[in-house]
Amino acid sequence: MSQTIAFVGVGRMGANMARRLMDCGYNVTAVYDVYTEGAASLAKEIGCKHATTLADVTAAADVIFTVVTNDASMRTIFLEGSDNLLVNAKGKIFVNCATVTPGIHREVYAAARTAGASALEASMASSISQAREGKLYLMLAGDEAVYQQVQRIIEDLSVNRRFIAGGAGKAAEVKALVNMVMNINTAGLAEGLGLAAALGHDLGMIREVFSQTGANSRVLETDGADMADRSHDCWFSAEHAAKDSGIAGLLAKEQGLNLPLNTATEAQYQKMVQLGLGGLDKSGVAELTFKGRHA
């Protein structure tokens, strides 16, 4: 555990990953976030430096985890301005956990190599509580030799993981597929439960029947009761669902594929954003399908 670790992006996922590694005995030396109050609070909690510049983060650690929101944020922290993570970054390893396009991962990978550093993808398919408990599922891509250098850290963050061959961007492609299918399933479940409610069926009974038939799915377990109860505390936001379905749509367009279900699902989540519901959990798509709700 001799490697020092820092974090850029300490919202609920990043902060819980930092807490987890501290619990495991790692030396987390610095945290940074554009929301400075949150970063300062976490730094005080776990006893590390609140870095106020990106270059300070790089200087403070051997391994830097980034957990940011989108391509623009990735470009800002790595590729733009005089203060970015690649300043004096020779020998550093960046582990990038955000759900962003494969293209930006490839850009960062190339820029890191030019700076004498390494960039590894570690796309997450898990929740906030799983980040705290070290039970993430991680999809990794980049150079396998770099992965081996941080494998112990990755294992302490995750219950399972998959290294995906093919180079930079490949884990992001797989993550886009995961979220595309998850979002389609969630929107489909919302329509099924919305129609069942309109027909006067007991939704507890419907969920039980679904669970024993071909209508079963992981999202039935995670989101079914929340859709019925209108309980949409955010674990994975509708805004993020819209973004991720959009990433899948862009990949399909590049391949000349038509994905009508993904297109319809993205439109539903974009509608939530337009209605001011983007901060709800993805289960909130049921608000668009049940009679008498927001739709």
C-alpha atoms as a PDB file:
ATOM      1  CA  MET A   1       0.000   0.000   0.000  1.00  0.00           C
ATOM      2  CA  SER A   2       2.921   2.354  -0.636  1.00  0.00           C
ATOM      3  CA  GLN A   3       1.177   4.200  -3.481  1.00  0.00           C
ATOM      4  CA  THR A   4      -0.315   7.546  -2.529  1.00  0.00           C
ATOM      5  CA  ILE A   5      -3.772   8.309  -3.890  1.00  0.00           C
ATOM      6  CA  ALA A   6      -5.742  11.456  -4.703  1.00  0.00           C
ATOM      7  CA  PHE A   7      -9.227  12.151  -6.056  1.00  0.00           C
ATOM      8  CA  VAL A   8     -10.618  14.696  -8.486  1.00  0.00           C
ATOM      9  CA  GLY A   9     -14.408  14.803  -8.301  1.00  0.00           C
ATOM     10  CA  VAL A  10     -15.653  13.982  -4.816  1.00  0.00           C
ATOM     11  CA  GLY A  11     -19.396  13.959  -5.184  1.00  0.00           C
ATOM     12  CA  ARG A  12     -21.229  11.024  -3.676  1.00  0.00           C
ATOM     13  CA  MET A  13     -19.391   8.353  -5.702  1.00  0.00           C
ATOM     14  CA  GLY A  14     -15.904   9.838  -5.532  1.00  0.00           C
ATOM     15  CA  ALA A  15     -16.173  10.701  -1.849  1.00  0.00           C
ATOM     16  CA  ASN A  16     -17.282   7.200  -0.940  1.00  0.00           C
ATOM     17  CA  MET A  17     -14.451   5.671  -2.954  1.00  0.00           C
ATOM     18  CA  ALA A  18     -11.998   7.871  -1.051  1.00  0.00           C
ATOM     19  CA  ARG A  19     -13.539   6.838   2.267  1.00  0.00           C
ATOM     20  CA  ARG A  20     -13.344   3.189   1.267  1.00  0.00           C
ATOM     21  CA  LEU A  21      -9.648   3.385   0.439  1.00  0.00           C
ATOM     22  CA  MET A  22      -8.917   5.197   3.697  1.00  0.00           C
ATOM     23  CA  ASP A  23     -10.706   2.381   5.530  1.00  0.00           C
ATOM     24  CA  CYS A  24      -8.488  -0.113   3.691  1.00  0.00           C
ATOM     25  CA  GLY A  25      -5.361   1.609   4.944  1.00  0.00           C
ATOM     26  CA  TYR A  26      -4.337   3.522   1.829  1.00  0.00           C
ATOM     27  CA  ASN A  27      -2.737   6.944   2.043  1.00  0.00           C
ATOM     28  CA  VAL A  28      -5.255   9.286   0.425  1.00  0.00           C
ATOM     29  CA  THR A  29      -3.295  12.528   0.282  1.00  0.00           C
ATOM     30  CA  ALA A  30      -5.544  15.049  -1.502  1.00  0.00           C
ATOM     31  CA  VAL A  31      -9.033  15.680  -2.865  1.00  0.00           C
ATOM     32  CA  TYR A  32     -10.281  18.277  -5.347  1.00  0.00           C
ATOM     33  CA  ASP A  33     -13.687  19.331  -6.627  1.00  0.00           C
ATOM     34  CA  VAL A  34     -15.110  22.399  -8.348  1.00  0.00           C
ATOM     35  CA  TYR A  35     -17.584  22.359  -5.446  1.00  0.00           C
ATOM     36  CA  THR A  36     -14.939  23.543  -3.026  1.00  0.00           C
ATOM     37  CA  GLU A  37     -17.069  23.284   0.117  1.00  0.00           C
ATOM     38  CA  GLY A  38     -17.680  19.596  -0.451  1.00  0.00           C
ATOM     39  CA  ALA A  39     -14.012  18.893  -1.105  1.00  0.00           C
ATOM     40  CA  ALA A  40     -12.952  20.873   1.971  1.00  0.00           C
ATOM     41  CA  SER A  41     -15.445  18.992   4.137  1.00  0.00           C
ATOM     42  CA  LEU A  42     -14.263  15.607   2.875  1.00  0.00           C
ATOM     43  CA  ALA A  43     -10.613  16.566   3.317  1.00  0.00           C
ATOM     44  CA  LYS A  44     -11.294  17.470   6.933  1.00  0.00           C
ATOM     45  CA  GLU A  45     -13.255  14.250   7.473  1.00  0.00           C
ATOM     46  CA  ILE A  46     -10.582  11.888   6.163  1.00  0.00           C
ATOM     47  CA  GLY A  47      -7.559  13.943   7.158  1.00  0.00           C
ATOM     48  CA  CYS A  48      -6.043  14.837   3.794  1.00  0.00           C
ATOM     49  CA  LYS A  49      -5.207  17.971   1.829  1.00  0.00           C
ATOM     50  CA  HIS A  50      -7.916  20.002   0.141  1.00  0.00           C
ATOM     51  CA  ALA A  51      -6.166  20.741  -3.131  1.00  0.00           C
ATOM     52  CA  THR A  52      -7.188  24.015  -4.746  1.00  0.00           C
ATOM     53  CA  THR A  53      -5.448  23.453  -8.084  1.00  0.00           C
ATOM     54  CA  LEU A  54      -5.333  20.438 -10.376  1.00  0.00           C
ATOM     55  CA  ALA A  55      -1.545  20.576 -10.557  1.00  0.00           C
ATOM     56  CA  ASP A  56      -1.446  20.276  -6.759  1.00  0.00           C
ATOM     57  CA  VAL A  57      -3.477  17.069  -6.991  1.00  0.00           C
ATOM     58  CA  THR A  58      -0.994  15.528  -9.405  1.00  0.00           C
ATOM     59  CA  ALA A  59       1.923  16.607  -7.242  1.00  0.00           C
ATOM     60  CA  ALA A  60       0.318  15.063  -4.157  1.00  0.00           C
ATOM     61  CA  ALA A  61      -0.112  11.440  -5.306  1.00  0.00           C
ATOM     62  CA  ASP A  62       1.131   8.543  -7.394  1.00  0.00           C
ATOM     63  CA  VAL A  63      -2.363   7.441  -8.454  1.00  0.00           C
ATOM     64  CA  ILE A  64      -5.116   9.950  -9.187  1.00  0.00           C
ATOM     65  CA  PHE A  65      -8.750   8.841  -9.511  1.00  0.00           C
ATOM     66  CA  THR A  66     -11.081  11.096 -11.499  1.00  0.00           C
ATOM     67  CA  VAL A  67     -14.866  10.903 -11.118  1.00  0.00           C
ATOM     68  CA  VAL A  68     -16.344  13.765 -13.141  1.00  0.00           C
ATOM     69  CA  THR A  69     -19.618  14.292 -14.941  1.00  0.00           C
ATOM     70  CA  ASN A  70     -19.073  14.552 -18.686  1.00  0.00           C
ATOM     71  CA  ASP A  71     -16.707  15.014 -21.630  1.00  0.00           C
ATOM     72  CA  ALA A  72     -16.376  18.743 -21.025  1.00  0.00           C
ATOM     73  CA  SER A  73     -15.268  18.142 -17.452  1.00  0.00           C
ATOM     74  CA  MET A  74     -12.720  15.542 -18.554  1.00  0.00           C
ATOM     75  CA  ARG A  75     -11.355  17.934 -21.149  1.00  0.00           C
ATOM     76  CA  THR A  76     -11.091  20.710 -18.566  1.00  0.00           C
ATOM     77  CA  ILE A  77      -9.178  18.711 -15.972  1.00  0.00           C
ATOM     78  CA  PHE A  78      -6.758  17.087 -18.427  1.00  0.00           C
ATOM     79  CA  LEU A  79      -6.440  19.115 -21.597  1.00  0.00           C
ATOM     80  CA  GLU A  80      -7.203  22.778 -21.062  1.00  0.00           C
ATOM     81  CA  GLY A  81      -5.551  25.792 -19.480  1.00  0.00           C
ATOM     82  CA  SER A  82      -2.299  26.190 -17.614  1.00  0.00           C
ATOM     83  CA  ASP A  83      -3.639  24.319 -14.579  1.00  0.00           C
ATOM     84  CA  ASN A  84      -4.506  20.718 -15.437  1.00  0.00           C
ATOM     85  CA  LEU A  85      -3.693  17.237 -14.186  1.00  0.00           C
ATOM     86  CA  LEU A  86      -0.983  16.636 -16.769  1.00  0.00           C
ATOM     87  CA  VAL A  87       1.277  19.403 -15.434  1.00  0.00           C
ATOM     88  CA  ASN A  88       4.468  17.667 -14.213  1.00  0.00           C
ATOM     89  CA  ALA A  89       2.636  14.338 -14.493  1.00  0.00           C
ATOM     90  CA  LYS A  90       5.537  12.100 -15.527  1.00  0.00           C
ATOM     91  CA  GLY A  91       5.205   8.691 -13.888  1.00  0.00           C
ATOM     92  CA  LYS A  92       1.691   9.311 -12.555  1.00  0.00           C
ATOM     93  CA  ILE A  93      -1.245   6.965 -13.122  1.00  0.00           C
ATOM     94  CA  PHE A  94      -4.719   8.383 -13.736  1.00  0.00           C
ATOM     95  CA  VAL A  95      -7.696   6.088 -13.160  1.00  0.00           C
ATOM     96  CA  ASN A  96     -10.711   7.636 -14.884  1.00  0.00           C
ATOM     97  CA  CYS A  97     -14.080   6.433 -13.607  1.00  0.00           C
ATOM     98  CA  ALA A  98     -16.563   8.776 -15.259  1.00  0.00           C
ATOM     99  CA  THR A  99     -19.132   7.631 -17.800  1.00  0.00           C
ATOM    100  CA  VAL A 100     -17.994   9.660 -20.805  1.00  0.00           C
ATOM    101  CA  THR A 101     -17.558   8.982 -24.506  1.00  0.00           C
ATOM    102  CA  PRO A 102     -14.886   6.563 -25.699  1.00  0.00           C
ATOM    103  CA  GLY A 103     -13.403   9.394 -27.723  1.00  0.00           C
ATOM    104  CA  ILE A 104     -12.510  11.541 -24.725  1.00  0.00           C
ATOM    105  CA  HIS A 105     -10.912   8.530 -23.028  1.00  0.00           C
ATOM    106  CA  ARG A 106      -8.729   8.079 -26.103  1.00  0.00           C
ATOM    107  CA  GLU A 107      -7.799  11.767 -26.095  1.00  0.00           C
ATOM    108  CA  VAL A 108      -6.798  11.652 -22.433  1.00  0.00           C
ATOM    109  CA  TYR A 109      -4.883   8.399 -22.917  1.00  0.00           C
ATOM    110  CA  ALA A 110      -2.833   9.931 -25.736  1.00  0.00           C
ATOM    111  CA  ALA A 111      -2.209  13.187 -23.862  1.00  0.00           C
ATOM    112  CA  ALA A 112      -1.119  11.294 -20.747  1.00  0.00           C
ATOM    113  CA  ARG A 113       1.379   9.262 -22.765  1.00  0.00           C
ATOM    114  CA  THR A 114       2.805  12.453 -24.247  1.00  0.00           C
ATOM    115  CA  ALA A 115       3.222  13.778 -20.688  1.00  0.00           C
ATOM    116  CA  GLY A 116       4.977  10.586 -19.589  1.00  0.00           C
ATOM    117  CA  ALA A 117       1.979   9.471 -17.545  1.00  0.00           C
ATOM    118  CA  SER A 118      -0.572   6.659 -17.850  1.00  0.00           C
ATOM    119  CA  ALA A 119      -4.365   6.731 -18.110  1.00  0.00           C
ATOM    120  CA  LEU A 120      -6.598   3.781 -17.281  1.00  0.00           C
ATOM    121  CA  GLU A 121     -10.362   3.532 -17.665  1.00  0.00           C
ATOM    122  CA  ALA A 122     -12.334   2.147 -14.743  1.00  0.00           C
ATOM    123  CA  SER A 123     -15.971   2.527 -15.741  1.00  0.00           C
ATOM    124  CA  MET A 124     -18.385   1.867 -12.890  1.00  0.00           C
ATOM    125  CA  ALA A 125     -21.682  -0.011 -12.984  1.00  0.00           C
ATOM    126  CA  SER A 126     -22.706   0.335  -9.366  1.00  0.00           C
ATOM    127  CA  SER A 127     -24.398   2.556  -6.787  1.00  0.00           C
ATOM    128  CA  ILE A 128     -23.258   5.034  -4.156  1.00  0.00           C
ATOM    129  CA  SER A 129     -23.579   2.512  -1.321  1.00  0.00           C
ATOM    130  CA  GLN A 130     -21.512  -0.025  -3.242  1.00  0.00           C
ATOM    131  CA  ALA A 131     -18.754   2.553  -3.642  1.00  0.00           C
ATOM    132  CA  ARG A 132     -18.649   2.960   0.140  1.00  0.00           C
ATOM    133  CA  GLU A 133     -18.613  -0.792   0.735  1.00  0.00           C
ATOM    134  CA  GLY A 134     -15.967  -1.648  -1.873  1.00  0.00           C
ATOM    135  CA  LYS A 135     -18.509  -3.570  -3.946  1.00  0.00           C
ATOM    136  CA  LEU A 136     -18.253  -1.761  -7.266  1.00  0.00           C
ATOM    137  CA  TYR A 137     -18.358  -3.591 -10.581  1.00  0.00           C
ATOM    138  CA  LEU A 138     -15.610  -2.087 -12.730  1.00  0.00           C
ATOM    139  CA  MET A 139     -14.915  -2.328 -16.445  1.00  0.00           C
ATOM    140  CA  LEU A 140     -11.298  -1.459 -17.205  1.00  0.00           C
ATOM    141  CA  ALA A 141      -9.373  -0.668 -20.357  1.00  0.00           C
ATOM    142  CA  GLY A 142      -6.047   0.767 -21.411  1.00  0.00           C
ATOM    143  CA  ASP A 143      -2.646  -0.845 -20.957  1.00  0.00           C
ATOM    144  CA  GLU A 144      -2.850  -4.091 -19.005  1.00  0.00           C
ATOM    145  CA  ALA A 145       0.595  -3.460 -17.497  1.00  0.00           C
ATOM    146  CA  VAL A 146      -0.737  -0.233 -15.991  1.00  0.00           C
ATOM    147  CA  TYR A 147      -3.773  -2.061 -14.665  1.00  0.00           C
ATOM    148  CA  GLN A 148      -1.475  -4.517 -12.925  1.00  0.00           C
ATOM    149  CA  GLN A 149       0.279  -1.636 -11.167  1.00  0.00           C
ATOM    150  CA  VAL A 150      -2.979  -0.529  -9.522  1.00  0.00           C
ATOM    151  CA  GLN A 151      -4.751  -3.892  -9.396  1.00  0.00           C
ATOM    152  CA  ARG A 152      -4.638  -4.160  -5.607  1.00  0.00           C
ATOM    153  CA  ILE A 153      -6.330  -0.772  -5.258  1.00  0.00           C
ATOM    154  CA  ILE A 154      -8.947  -1.701  -7.857  1.00  0.00           C
ATOM    155  CA  GLU A 155      -9.655  -4.973  -6.074  1.00  0.00           C
ATOM    156  CA  ASP A 156     -10.206  -3.159  -2.779  1.00  0.00           C
ATOM    157  CA  LEU A 157     -12.798  -0.935  -4.458  1.00  0.00           C
ATOM    158  CA  SER A 158     -14.693  -3.679  -6.266  1.00  0.00           C
ATOM    159  CA  VAL A 159     -16.455  -6.965  -5.741  1.00  0.00           C
ATOM    160  CA  ASN A 160     -15.806  -7.898  -9.353  1.00  0.00           C
ATOM    161  CA  ARG A 161     -14.154  -6.465 -12.427  1.00  0.00           C
ATOM    162  CA  ARG A 162     -13.451  -7.084 -16.095  1.00  0.00           C
ATOM    163  CA  PHE A 163     -10.413  -5.922 -18.057  1.00  0.00           C
ATOM    164  CA  ILE A 164     -11.524  -5.322 -21.640  1.00  0.00           C
ATOM    165  CA  ALA A 165      -8.970  -5.790 -24.393  1.00  0.00           C
ATOM    166  CA  GLY A 166      -8.609  -3.467 -27.352  1.00  0.00           C
ATOM    167  CA  GLY A 167      -7.122  -0.331 -25.857  1.00  0.00           C
ATOM    168  CA  ALA A 168      -8.383   3.028 -24.690  1.00  0.00           C
ATOM    169  CA  GLY A 169     -12.105   3.650 -25.070  1.00  0.00           C
ATOM    170  CA  LYS A 170     -13.197   0.024 -24.992  1.00  0.00           C
ATOM    171  CA  ALA A 171     -14.417   0.030 -21.389  1.00  0.00           C
ATOM    172  CA  ALA A 172     -16.396   3.186 -22.130  1.00  0.00           C
ATOM    173  CA  GLU A 173     -18.041   1.419 -25.069  1.00  0.00           C
ATOM    174  CA  VAL A 174     -19.087  -1.490 -22.850  1.00  0.00           C
ATOM    175  CA  LYS A 175     -20.350   0.889 -20.137  1.00  0.00           C
ATOM    176  CA  ALA A 176     -22.456   2.667 -22.752  1.00  0.00           C
ATOM    177  CA  LEU A 177     -23.979  -0.684 -23.708  1.00  0.00           C
ATOM    178  CA  VAL A 178     -24.699  -1.515 -20.059  1.00  0.00           C
ATOM    179  CA  ASN A 179     -26.455   1.779 -19.396  1.00  0.00           C
ATOM    180  CA  MET A 180     -28.288   1.728 -22.707  1.00  0.00           C
ATOM    181  CA  VAL A 181     -29.885  -1.636 -21.901  1.00  0.00           C
ATOM    182  CA  MET A 182     -30.508  -0.666 -18.255  1.00  0.00           C
ATOM    183  CA  ASN A 183     -32.259   2.534 -19.296  1.00  0.00           C
ATOM    184  CA  ILE A 184     -34.391   0.747 -21.892  1.00  0.00           C
ATOM    185  CA  ASN A 185     -35.406  -1.840 -19.281  1.00  0.00           C
ATOM    186  CA  THR A 186     -36.246   0.900 -16.783  1.00  0.00           C
ATOM    187  CA  ALA A 187     -38.402   2.814 -19.247  1.00  0.00           C
ATOM    188  CA  GLY A 188     -40.119  -0.427 -20.302  1.00  0.00           C
ATOM    189  CA  LEU A 189     -40.871  -1.361 -16.708  1.00  0.00           C
ATOM    190  CA  ALA A 190     -42.348   2.090 -16.109  1.00  0.00           C
ATOM    191  CA  GLU A 191     -44.688   1.643 -19.066  1.00  0.00           C
ATOM    192  CA  GLY A 192     -45.752  -1.816 -17.908  1.00  0.00           C
ATOM    193  CA  LEU A 193     -46.481  -0.666 -14.362  1.00  0.00           C
ATOM    194  CA  GLY A 194     -48.171   2.502 -15.607  1.00  0.00           C
ATOM    195  CA  LEU A 195     -50.526   0.501 -17.805  1.00  0.00           C
ATOM    196  CA  ALA A 196     -51.166  -2.009 -15.007  1.00  0.00           C
ATOM    197  CA  ALA A 197     -52.129   0.827 -12.655  1.00  0.00           C
ATOM    198  CA  ALA A 198     -54.443   2.331 -15.270  1.00  0.00           C
ATOM    199  CA  LEU A 199     -56.148  -1.050 -15.623  1.00  0.00           C
ATOM    200  CA  GLY A 200     -56.733  -1.177 -11.880  1.00  0.00           C
ATOM    201  CA  HIS A 201     -54.314  -3.969 -10.986  1.00  0.00           C
ATOM    202  CA  ASP A 202     -52.550  -4.221  -7.653  1.00  0.00           C
ATOM    203  CA  LEU A 203     -48.948  -3.294  -8.416  1.00  0.00           C
ATOM    204  CA  GLY A 204     -47.528  -5.567  -5.733  1.00  0.00           C
ATOM    205  CA  MET A 205     -49.216  -8.488  -7.464  1.00  0.00           C
ATOM    206  CA  ILE A 206     -48.003  -7.311 -10.876  1.00  0.00           C
ATOM    207  CA  ARG A 207     -44.403  -7.045  -9.669  1.00  0.00           C
ATOM    208  CA  GLU A 208     -44.609 -10.560  -8.210  1.00  0.00           C
ATOM    209  CA  VAL A 209     -45.941 -11.939 -11.511  1.00  0.00           C
ATOM    210  CA  PHE A 210     -43.284 -10.073 -13.458  1.00  0.00           C
ATOM    211  CA  SER A 211     -40.593 -11.554 -11.210  1.00  0.00           C
ATOM    212  CA  GLN A 212     -41.665 -15.102 -12.102  1.00  0.00           C
ATOM    213  CA  THR A 213     -41.961 -14.599 -15.843  1.00  0.00           C
ATOM    214  CA  GLY A 214     -40.154 -13.232 -18.862  1.00  0.00           C
ATOM    215  CA  ALA A 215     -40.909  -9.701 -17.612  1.00  0.00           C
ATOM    216  CA  ASN A 216     -38.333 -10.143 -14.859  1.00  0.00           C
ATOM    217  CA  SER A 217     -35.279  -7.912 -14.839  1.00  0.00           C
ATOM    218  CA  ARG A 218     -32.716  -6.392 -12.519  1.00  0.00           C
ATOM    219  CA  VAL A 219     -34.531  -3.044 -12.656  1.00  0.00           C
ATOM    220  CA  LEU A 220     -37.730  -4.724 -11.454  1.00  0.00           C
ATOM    221  CA  GLU A 221     -35.843  -5.509  -8.254  1.00  0.00           C
ATOM    222  CA  THR A 222     -34.208  -2.102  -7.892  1.00  0.00           C
ATOM    223  CA  ASP A 223     -36.878   0.257  -9.232  1.00  0.00           C
ATOM    224  CA  GLY A 224     -40.276  -1.478  -9.283  1.00  0.00           C
ATOM    225  CA  ALA A 225     -41.426  -0.563  -5.783  1.00  0.00           C
ATOM    226  CA  ASP A 226     -40.051   2.957  -6.126  1.00  0.00           C
ATOM    227  CA  MET A 227     -42.059   3.496  -9.297  1.00  0.00           C
ATOM    228  CA  ALA A 228     -45.255   2.372  -7.561  1.00  0.00           C
ATOM    229  CA  ASP A 229     -44.568   4.444  -4.430  1.00  0.00           C
ATOM    230  CA  ARG A 230     -43.224   7.514  -6.270  1.00  0.00           C
ATOM    231  CA  SER A 231     -40.034   7.219  -4.234  1.00  0.00           C
ATOM    232  CA  HIS A 232     -37.306   8.591  -6.502  1.00  0.00           C
ATOM    233  CA  ASP A 233     -34.414   9.423  -4.186  1.00  0.00           C
ATOM    234  CA  CYS A 234     -31.463   9.685  -6.503  1.00  0.00           C
ATOM    235  CA  TRP A 235     -29.004   6.824  -6.893  1.00  0.00           C
ATOM    236  CA  PHE A 236     -28.585   7.227 -10.658  1.00  0.00           C
ATOM    237  CA  SER A 237     -30.175  10.383 -11.984  1.00  0.00           C
ATOM    238  CA  ALA A 238     -32.476  10.794 -14.954  1.00  0.00           C
ATOM    239  CA  GLU A 239     -30.066  13.457 -16.208  1.00  0.00           C
ATOM    240  CA  HIS A 240     -27.243  10.911 -16.248  1.00  0.00           C
ATOM    241  CA  ALA A 241     -29.516   8.360 -17.903  1.00  0.00           C
ATOM    242  CA  ALA A 242     -30.243  10.857 -20.683  1.00  0.00           C
ATOM    243  CA  LYS A 243     -26.524  11.496 -21.141  1.00  0.00           C
ATOM    244  CA  ASP A 244     -25.609   7.817 -21.221  1.00  0.00           C
ATOM    245  CA  SER A 245     -28.365   6.832 -23.638  1.00  0.00           C
ATOM    246  CA  GLY A 246     -27.127   9.688 -25.796  1.00  0.00           C
ATOM    247  CA  ILE A 247     -23.589   8.287 -25.756  1.00  0.00           C
ATOM    248  CA  ALA A 248     -24.941   4.938 -26.957  1.00  0.00           C
ATOM    249  CA  GLY A 249     -26.882   6.724 -29.678  1.00  0.00           C
ATOM    250  CA  LEU A 250     -23.751   8.483 -30.908  1.00  0.00           C
ATOM    251  CA  LEU A 251     -21.864   5.175 -31.038  1.00  0.00           C
ATOM    252  CA  ALA A 252     -24.716   3.609 -33.020  1.00  0.00           C
ATOM    253  CA  LYS A 253     -24.718   6.516 -35.453  1.00  0.00           C
ATOM    254  CA  GLU A 254     -20.971   6.091 -36.001  1.00  0.00           C
ATOM    255  CA  GLN A 255     -21.625   2.443 -36.889  1.00  0.00           C
ATOM    256  CA  GLY A 256     -24.568   3.194 -39.159  1.00  0.00           C
ATOM    257  CA  LEU A 257     -27.046   1.455 -36.837  1.00  0.00           C
ATOM    258  CA  ASN A 258     -30.621   2.431 -36.038  1.00  0.00           C
ATOM    259  CA  LEU A 259     -31.555   1.789 -32.399  1.00  0.00           C
ATOM    260  CA  PRO A 260     -35.202   2.899 -32.079  1.00  0.00           C
ATOM    261  CA  LEU A 261     -35.657   1.674 -28.504  1.00  0.00           C
ATOM    262  CA  ASN A 262     -32.601   3.586 -27.325  1.00  0.00           C
ATOM    263  CA  THR A 263     -33.759   6.668 -29.212  1.00  0.00           C
ATOM    264  CA  ALA A 264     -37.184   6.517 -27.545  1.00  0.00           C
ATOM    265  CA  THR A 265     -35.645   5.932 -24.130  1.00  0.00           C
ATOM    266  CA  GLU A 266     -33.268   8.854 -24.490  1.00  0.00           C
ATOM    267  CA  ALA A 267     -36.242  11.032 -25.457  1.00  0.00           C
ATOM    268  CA  GLN A 268     -38.075  10.022 -22.270  1.00  0.00           C
ATOM    269  CA  TYR A 269     -35.132  10.925 -20.060  1.00  0.00           C
ATOM    270  CA  GLN A 270     -34.547  14.163 -21.967  1.00  0.00           C
ATOM    271  CA  LYS A 271     -38.211  14.989 -21.353  1.00  0.00           C
ATOM    272  CA  MET A 272     -37.629  14.502 -17.617  1.00  0.00           C
ATOM    273  CA  VAL A 273     -34.758  16.972 -17.779  1.00  0.00           C
ATOM    274  CA  GLN A 274     -36.922  19.470 -19.667  1.00  0.00           C
ATOM    275  CA  LEU A 275     -39.667  19.111 -17.025  1.00  0.00           C
ATOM    276  CA  GLY A 276     -37.191  19.817 -14.238  1.00  0.00           C
ATOM    277  CA  LEU A 277     -37.142  16.175 -13.110  1.00  0.00           C
ATOM    278  CA  GLY A 278     -33.559  15.389 -14.129  1.00  0.00           C
ATOM    279  CA  GLY A 279     -32.400  15.216 -10.522  1.00  0.00           C
ATOM    280  CA  LEU A 280     -34.772  12.349  -9.741  1.00  0.00           C
ATOM    281  CA  ASP A 281     -33.548   8.783  -9.854  1.00  0.00           C
ATOM    282  CA  LYS A 282     -33.959   7.022 -13.199  1.00  0.00           C
ATOM    283  CA  SER A 283     -37.014   5.282 -11.674  1.00  0.00           C
ATOM    284  CA  GLY A 284     -38.687   8.677 -11.987  1.00  0.00           C
ATOM    285  CA  VAL A 285     -39.344   7.902 -15.659  1.00  0.00           C
ATOM    286  CA  ALA A 286     -42.542   6.374 -14.232  1.00  0.00           C
ATOM    287  CA  GLU A 287     -43.720   9.939 -13.660  1.00  0.00           C
ATOM    288  CA  LEU A 288     -44.164  10.126 -17.432  1.00  0.00           C
ATOM    289  CA  THR A 289     -46.181   6.909 -17.770  1.00  0.00           C
ATOM    290  CA  PHE A 290     -48.602   6.732 -14.827  1.00  0.00           C
ATOM    291  CA  LYS A 291     -51.968   8.478 -15.205  1.00  0.00           C
ATOM    292  CA  GLY A 292     -52.274  11.661 -13.209  1.00  0.00           C
ATOM    293  CA  ARG A 293     -48.542  12.231 -12.779  1.00  0.00           C
ATOM    294  CA  HIS A 294     -46.302  14.770 -14.511  1.00  0.00           C
ATOM    295  CA  ALA A 295     -47.003  13.670 -18.101  1.00  0.00           C
END
